[in-house]
Amino acid sequence: MKSDSKKFFEPTPNYAAMRELEKKYYHKPTEKEIRNFLDFWQEIYDFWSQNNSPFESSYVEEKVRVRKALIDKFGFKA
């Protein structure tokens, strides 16, 4: 039992098995896959930015209010 448990927790065979599985299943993404992925996230960001513009007046007003509160509370300018 003692030798079995030692082999179970020994790291070298585990790393070798992981490297073998990585070689078997990992593939580097092609240029087309990368482009499709980036285009997908660009579409998501464009859709999000239409409804959540960081330059809306309410956002700027909230930022100014928070900054003024920090200056008043701590007495420093950011």
Protein backbone atom coordinates (compact mmCIF):
# COMPACT_ATOMS: atom_id res chain seq x y z
CA MET A 1 0.00 0.00 0.00
CA LYS A 2 2.78 2.42 0.82
CA SER A 3 4.52 2.02 -2.56
CA ASP A 4 1.20 2.32 -4.43
CA SER A 5 0.30 5.59 -2.77
CA LYS A 6 3.78 6.94 -3.47
CA LYS A 7 3.38 6.16 -7.18
CA PHE A 8 -0.05 7.79 -7.20
CA PHE A 9 1.30 11.12 -5.97
CA GLU A 10 4.53 11.05 -7.93
CA PRO A 11 4.43 14.02 -10.34
CA THR A 12 6.66 12.79 -13.17
CA PRO A 13 4.29 10.21 -14.71
CA ASN A 14 1.38 12.61 -14.39
CA TYR A 15 3.21 15.35 -16.31
CA ALA A 16 4.28 12.88 -18.97
CA ALA A 17 0.66 11.79 -19.44
CA MET A 18 -0.49 15.39 -19.70
CA ARG A 19 2.16 16.18 -22.32
CA GLU A 20 1.09 13.12 -24.30
CA LEU A 21 -2.58 14.14 -24.20
CA GLU A 22 -1.69 17.70 -25.13
CA LYS A 23 0.21 16.54 -28.20
CA LYS A 24 -2.68 14.31 -29.17
CA TYR A 25 -5.57 16.80 -28.78
CA TYR A 26 -4.12 20.33 -28.96
CA HIS A 27 -4.01 22.09 -32.29
CA LYS A 28 -2.86 25.60 -32.98
CA PRO A 29 -5.73 27.71 -34.32
CA THR A 30 -5.51 28.63 -37.97
CA GLU A 31 -5.60 32.19 -39.25
CA LYS A 32 -9.21 31.68 -40.36
CA GLU A 33 -10.27 30.45 -36.90
CA ILE A 34 -8.55 33.41 -35.24
CA ARG A 35 -10.20 35.86 -37.66
CA ASN A 36 -13.64 34.30 -37.07
CA PHE A 37 -13.14 34.53 -33.32
CA LEU A 38 -12.07 38.18 -33.46
CA ASP A 39 -14.89 39.09 -35.83
CA PHE A 40 -17.40 37.44 -33.51
CA TRP A 41 -16.18 39.42 -30.49
CA GLN A 42 -16.09 42.63 -32.54
CA GLU A 43 -19.75 42.14 -33.44
CA ILE A 44 -20.60 41.52 -29.78
CA TYR A 45 -18.69 44.65 -28.71
CA ASP A 46 -20.32 46.79 -31.40
CA PHE A 47 -23.77 45.66 -30.31
CA TRP A 48 -22.92 46.27 -26.65
CA SER A 49 -21.42 49.70 -27.30
CA GLN A 50 -24.58 50.88 -29.09
CA ASN A 51 -26.57 50.41 -25.88
CA ASN A 52 -23.84 51.12 -23.30
CA SER A 53 -21.82 54.06 -24.50
CA PRO A 54 -19.24 55.14 -21.90
CA PHE A 55 -19.66 58.72 -23.11
CA GLU A 56 -23.33 59.10 -22.22
CA SER A 57 -24.06 62.22 -20.24
CA SER A 58 -25.45 60.23 -17.30
CA TYR A 59 -22.20 58.26 -17.08
CA VAL A 60 -20.08 61.43 -17.16
CA GLU A 61 -22.32 63.09 -14.56
CA GLU A 62 -21.98 60.07 -12.26
CA LYS A 63 -18.20 60.06 -12.67
CA VAL A 64 -17.97 63.77 -11.86
CA ARG A 65 -20.20 63.31 -8.80
CA VAL A 66 -18.10 60.42 -7.48
CA ARG A 67 -14.84 62.30 -8.07
CA LYS A 68 -16.19 65.37 -6.27
CA ALA A 69 -17.30 63.21 -3.33
CA LEU A 70 -13.83 61.66 -3.10
CA ILE A 71 -12.15 65.06 -3.18
CA ASP A 72 -14.48 66.35 -0.47
CA LYS A 73 -14.03 63.26 1.69
CA PHE A 74 -10.28 62.73 1.43
CA GLY A 75 -9.08 66.18 0.43
CA PHE A 76 -7.03 65.13 -2.59
CA LYS A 77 -7.35 65.69 -6.29
CA ALA A 78 -7.12 62.75 -8.69
